[in-house]
Amino acid sequence: MTGPALTKGELRRQQILQFIKQKGRITIQEIIENFDCSEATARRDLDLLDKQGAIIRTIGGALFEGMNSVREVPFAEKKQQLWLEKEKIARKAVEWIEEGDSVCLTGGTTTFLIARELKQMQGVTVVTNAVNIAMELADSDGIQVVVVGGVMRSKSYELSGPLAEKTIEHLNIEKLFIGIDGISIEQGISTYSELEAQTAKMLMARTKRTIAVFDHTKVGKASLFSIAPLTELHACLTDTRMDAAMEAELDRHGITVAYAL
């Protein structure tokens, strides 16, 4: 007994996925030319394949998920990982924030917990491109929240794209706490999403001080898209002592290293 026949859209997405597996990547234009569809349909197909976890969505197309050495973990799943360690990092991070500061929090579980700690403070402006962080702070009378617009990624709740970039161009941030998926001597700080990497780069350009916050599982790893070399950081905050080579490299560039032990 055979199953139901594939719809035209399902068949096209199956063929697109096969193309990506063979070539490693695909562009929107290649989908339009090879599968005789509109740009809107091509983007919708890639969004659906991305939600299924079959591909990695990029600005102009997609990559095969199997090419990436570090899998993107959805926020809901991250909440189950090293929660106590991340809470310690968050409490330490808030010690660096003072009344009157303008602070930016990118998406991530550690930065989400920083937002929770900030709810007890007064006179702080928080800029964020993460919808869940904005909602967490929505009922905090002492916190002014500025949300960067854009298209939301469901796995991280982060807003990115042209709308976000237009807003960021006009910001002046004092302290940026940036969540990352990997940090290494060779690759610097990195993340899973190309869109989020681009947004993070722009935020770093608009801040006086960039502080990378991450748990020990991110150390020595490189995710798919680079955000910046280590030299563009001002400080790192993590939960466990890093190896001697990493500490020496950070010290060589005058980067403050703090541990929430």
Protein backbone atom coordinates (compact mmCIF):
# COMPACT_ATOMS: atom_id res chain seq x y z
CA MET A 1 0.00 0.00 0.00
CA THR A 2 1.48 3.33 -1.02
CA GLY A 3 1.19 6.57 0.93
CA PRO A 4 -0.49 9.75 -0.30
CA ALA A 5 1.13 11.43 -3.28
CA LEU A 6 3.34 14.41 -2.60
CA THR A 7 1.92 17.83 -3.34
CA LYS A 8 3.68 20.02 -5.90
CA GLY A 9 5.21 22.09 -3.10
CA GLU A 10 6.39 19.04 -1.13
CA LEU A 11 7.99 17.55 -4.22
CA ARG A 12 9.76 20.84 -5.01
CA ARG A 13 11.11 21.14 -1.45
CA GLN A 14 12.30 17.54 -1.60
CA GLN A 15 14.17 18.34 -4.83
CA ILE A 16 15.60 21.55 -3.35
CA LEU A 17 16.89 19.60 -0.34
CA GLN A 18 18.49 17.03 -2.62
CA PHE A 19 20.19 19.85 -4.58
CA ILE A 20 21.56 21.35 -1.34
CA LYS A 21 22.86 17.97 -0.16
CA GLN A 22 24.68 17.48 -3.47
CA LYS A 23 26.09 21.01 -3.80
CA GLY A 24 26.41 21.96 -0.15
CA ARG A 25 24.52 25.22 -0.64
CA ILE A 26 21.94 26.98 -2.79
CA THR A 27 20.95 30.56 -3.55
CA ILE A 28 17.48 32.04 -3.97
CA GLN A 29 18.30 32.72 -7.63
CA GLU A 30 19.29 29.09 -8.21
CA ILE A 31 15.96 27.93 -6.80
CA ILE A 32 14.06 30.31 -9.09
CA GLU A 33 16.02 29.17 -12.16
CA ASN A 34 16.10 25.43 -11.41
CA PHE A 35 12.62 24.92 -10.00
CA ASP A 36 10.61 27.49 -11.97
CA CYS A 37 9.10 29.35 -9.03
CA SER A 38 8.84 32.90 -7.73
CA GLU A 39 11.25 34.51 -5.26
CA ALA A 40 8.52 34.51 -2.59
CA THR A 41 7.98 30.77 -3.07
CA ALA A 42 11.72 30.09 -2.95
CA ARG A 43 12.07 31.96 0.35
CA ARG A 44 9.02 30.22 1.81
CA ASP A 45 10.40 26.80 0.84
CA LEU A 46 13.73 27.56 2.52
CA ASP A 47 11.98 28.82 5.65
CA LEU A 48 10.01 25.57 5.86
CA LEU A 49 13.12 23.43 5.36
CA ASP A 50 14.92 25.50 8.01
CA LYS A 51 12.11 24.89 10.53
CA GLN A 52 12.41 21.17 9.83
CA GLY A 53 16.11 21.39 10.73
CA ALA A 54 17.18 20.08 7.32
CA ILE A 55 19.14 23.18 6.25
CA ILE A 56 20.85 26.28 7.63
CA ARG A 57 19.17 29.46 6.39
CA THR A 58 21.51 32.21 5.16
CA ILE A 59 20.89 35.74 3.89
CA GLY A 60 20.85 34.80 0.20
CA GLY A 61 19.91 31.14 0.33
CA ALA A 62 20.80 28.11 2.46
CA LEU A 63 23.52 25.64 3.43
CA PHE A 64 23.26 21.91 4.10
CA GLU A 65 22.86 21.36 7.86
CA GLY A 66 25.40 18.55 7.77
CA MET A 67 28.16 21.03 6.88
CA ASN A 68 28.00 22.62 10.32
CA SER A 69 30.07 21.21 13.17
CA VAL A 70 28.02 22.97 15.86
CA ARG A 71 24.27 22.36 15.84
CA GLU A 72 21.99 25.25 16.67
CA VAL A 73 20.08 24.50 19.85
CA PRO A 74 16.61 26.08 20.19
CA PHE A 75 16.09 28.38 23.19
CA ALA A 76 13.65 25.96 24.86
CA GLU A 77 16.28 23.21 24.73
CA LYS A 78 19.07 25.54 25.91
CA LYS A 79 17.00 26.29 29.03
CA GLN A 80 17.67 22.73 30.17
CA GLN A 81 21.44 23.08 29.85
CA LEU A 82 23.75 24.47 32.58
CA TRP A 83 21.01 26.72 33.99
CA LEU A 84 22.69 27.19 37.40
CA GLU A 85 26.03 28.03 35.80
CA LYS A 86 24.36 30.60 33.55
CA GLU A 87 22.58 32.14 36.52
CA LYS A 88 25.97 32.66 38.19
CA ILE A 89 27.27 34.36 35.04
CA ALA A 90 24.19 36.60 34.95
CA ARG A 91 24.60 37.68 38.58
CA LYS A 92 28.26 38.53 37.93
CA ALA A 93 27.38 40.44 34.75
CA VAL A 94 24.93 42.71 36.56
CA GLU A 95 27.76 43.81 38.88
CA TRP A 96 29.20 45.58 35.82
CA ILE A 97 25.99 47.56 35.19
CA GLU A 98 25.30 50.88 36.91
CA GLU A 99 22.33 53.21 37.15
CA GLY A 100 22.17 55.40 34.05
CA ASP A 101 23.83 52.81 31.78
CA SER A 102 22.60 51.99 28.29
CA VAL A 103 23.02 48.24 27.96
CA CYS A 104 22.45 45.94 25.00
CA LEU A 105 21.56 42.27 25.35
CA THR A 106 21.64 39.98 22.33
CA GLY A 107 19.60 36.78 22.30
CA GLY A 108 20.52 33.68 24.29
CA THR A 109 19.82 31.96 27.59
CA THR A 110 22.66 33.67 29.46
CA THR A 111 21.61 37.13 28.31
CA PHE A 112 17.99 36.26 29.12
CA LEU A 113 19.08 35.55 32.69
CA ILE A 114 20.98 38.86 32.79
CA ALA A 115 17.67 40.53 31.90
CA ARG A 116 16.01 38.77 34.83
CA GLU A 117 18.69 40.06 37.20
CA LEU A 118 18.32 43.57 35.79
CA LYS A 119 14.64 43.71 36.79
CA GLN A 120 15.71 44.75 40.29
CA MET A 121 17.61 47.80 39.02
CA GLN A 122 16.52 51.38 38.35
CA GLY A 123 17.45 53.91 35.68
CA VAL A 124 18.88 51.47 33.12
CA THR A 125 18.09 51.48 29.40
CA VAL A 126 18.16 48.04 27.78
CA VAL A 127 18.45 47.67 24.02
CA THR A 128 17.72 44.18 22.72
CA ASN A 129 17.00 42.35 19.49
CA ALA A 130 15.47 39.41 21.38
CA VAL A 131 11.70 39.35 21.77
CA ASN A 132 11.74 37.12 24.87
CA ILE A 133 14.17 39.47 26.65
CA ALA A 134 11.97 42.48 25.86
CA MET A 135 8.93 40.64 27.23
CA GLU A 136 10.82 39.64 30.37
CA LEU A 137 11.55 43.30 31.09
CA ALA A 138 8.15 44.64 30.00
CA ASP A 139 6.80 45.01 33.55
CA SER A 140 9.96 46.57 35.03
CA ASP A 141 9.21 50.19 35.92
CA GLY A 142 12.88 51.08 36.40
CA ILE A 143 14.00 49.74 33.02
CA GLN A 144 13.50 51.48 29.69
CA VAL A 145 13.40 48.90 26.90
CA VAL A 146 14.35 49.63 23.30
CA VAL A 147 13.52 46.81 20.88
CA VAL A 148 15.43 46.51 17.62
CA GLY A 149 12.98 45.64 14.83
CA GLY A 150 13.34 42.95 12.21
CA VAL A 151 12.32 39.40 11.33
CA MET A 152 12.21 36.96 14.27
CA ARG A 153 14.05 33.64 14.18
CA SER A 154 11.91 31.10 16.03
CA LYS A 155 14.83 29.14 17.48
CA SER A 156 16.42 32.12 19.22
CA TYR A 157 13.64 34.77 19.31
CA GLU A 158 16.16 37.22 17.84
CA LEU A 159 15.18 39.95 15.40
CA SER A 160 17.50 40.56 12.46
CA GLY A 161 17.61 41.74 8.88
CA PRO A 162 17.35 45.18 7.19
CA LEU A 163 14.84 46.61 9.70
CA ALA A 164 17.12 45.75 12.61
CA GLU A 165 20.13 47.25 10.83
CA LYS A 166 18.33 50.55 10.22
CA THR A 167 17.55 50.89 13.92
CA ILE A 168 21.04 49.92 15.07
CA GLU A 169 22.63 52.61 12.87
CA HIS A 170 21.19 55.27 15.20
CA LEU A 171 22.08 53.69 18.55
CA ASN A 172 24.80 54.65 21.03
CA ILE A 173 25.35 51.82 23.50
CA GLU A 174 27.68 51.83 26.49
CA LYS A 175 27.87 48.11 27.25
CA LEU A 176 27.00 45.19 24.98
CA PHE A 177 26.58 41.75 26.53
CA ILE A 178 26.78 39.36 23.61
CA GLY A 179 25.73 35.72 23.68
CA ILE A 180 27.77 33.42 21.44
CA ASP A 181 27.81 29.82 20.22
CA GLY A 182 31.58 29.48 20.08
CA ILE A 183 34.86 31.18 21.02
CA SER A 184 38.31 30.15 19.86
CA ILE A 185 41.75 31.68 19.37
CA GLU A 186 41.68 31.17 15.61
CA GLN A 187 38.04 31.98 14.80
CA GLY A 188 37.20 34.50 17.53
CA ILE A 189 33.53 34.60 18.51
CA SER A 190 30.96 32.92 16.31
CA THR A 191 27.31 31.97 16.03
CA TYR A 192 25.08 29.59 14.13
CA SER A 193 23.06 32.15 12.18
CA GLU A 194 24.42 34.40 9.44
CA LEU A 195 21.69 36.95 10.09
CA GLU A 196 22.44 37.07 13.82
CA ALA A 197 26.17 37.34 13.12
CA GLN A 198 25.54 40.38 10.91
CA THR A 199 23.33 42.00 13.55
CA ALA A 200 25.90 41.33 16.26
CA LYS A 201 28.65 42.94 14.17
CA MET A 202 26.58 46.09 13.78
CA LEU A 203 25.81 46.23 17.51
CA MET A 204 29.51 45.89 18.31
CA ALA A 205 30.24 48.86 16.05
CA ARG A 206 27.77 50.99 18.04
CA THR A 207 28.99 50.17 21.56
CA LYS A 208 31.85 51.41 23.74
CA ARG A 209 32.42 48.06 25.45
CA THR A 210 31.67 44.53 24.21
CA ILE A 211 31.45 41.76 26.80
CA ALA A 212 31.11 38.15 25.63
CA VAL A 213 29.10 36.01 28.08
CA PHE A 214 29.22 32.24 27.66
CA ASP A 215 29.40 28.96 29.55
CA HIS A 216 32.44 26.67 29.38
CA THR A 217 30.96 24.44 26.63
CA LYS A 218 31.48 27.25 24.08
CA VAL A 219 35.24 27.54 24.67
CA GLY A 220 37.52 26.19 21.95
CA LYS A 221 34.63 25.80 19.52
CA ALA A 222 33.79 27.63 16.31
CA SER A 223 30.25 27.86 15.01
CA LEU A 224 29.42 28.38 11.35
CA PHE A 225 29.48 32.19 11.07
CA SER A 226 32.17 34.42 12.55
CA ILE A 227 31.08 37.54 14.42
CA ALA A 228 34.45 39.11 15.23
CA PRO A 229 38.05 38.27 16.16
CA LEU A 230 39.00 38.21 19.83
CA THR A 231 40.73 41.58 19.43
CA GLU A 232 37.34 43.31 19.15
CA LEU A 233 36.27 42.18 22.62
CA HIS A 234 36.78 44.19 25.80
CA ALA A 235 35.87 41.46 28.28
CA CYS A 236 34.85 37.82 28.62
CA LEU A 237 32.69 36.39 31.39
CA THR A 238 32.27 32.66 31.84
CA ASP A 239 31.72 30.03 34.55
CA THR A 240 34.89 27.89 34.47
CA ARG A 241 38.57 28.72 34.07
CA MET A 242 39.68 28.54 30.44
CA ASP A 243 42.83 26.78 29.32
CA ALA A 244 46.17 28.56 29.63
CA ALA A 245 46.51 29.22 25.90
CA MET A 246 43.14 30.99 25.69
CA GLU A 247 43.81 33.02 28.84
CA ALA A 248 47.22 34.05 27.51
CA GLU A 249 45.76 35.12 24.17
CA LEU A 250 43.05 37.22 25.81
CA ASP A 251 45.60 38.78 28.17
CA ARG A 252 47.89 39.57 25.23
CA HIS A 253 45.14 41.73 23.74
CA GLY A 254 44.23 43.41 27.01
CA ILE A 255 40.87 41.67 27.28
CA THR A 256 39.45 41.43 30.80
CA VAL A 257 38.58 37.87 31.84
CA ALA A 258 36.17 37.25 34.72
CA TYR A 259 34.81 34.03 36.17
CA ALA A 260 31.51 33.43 37.93
CA LEU A 261 32.78 30.60 40.10
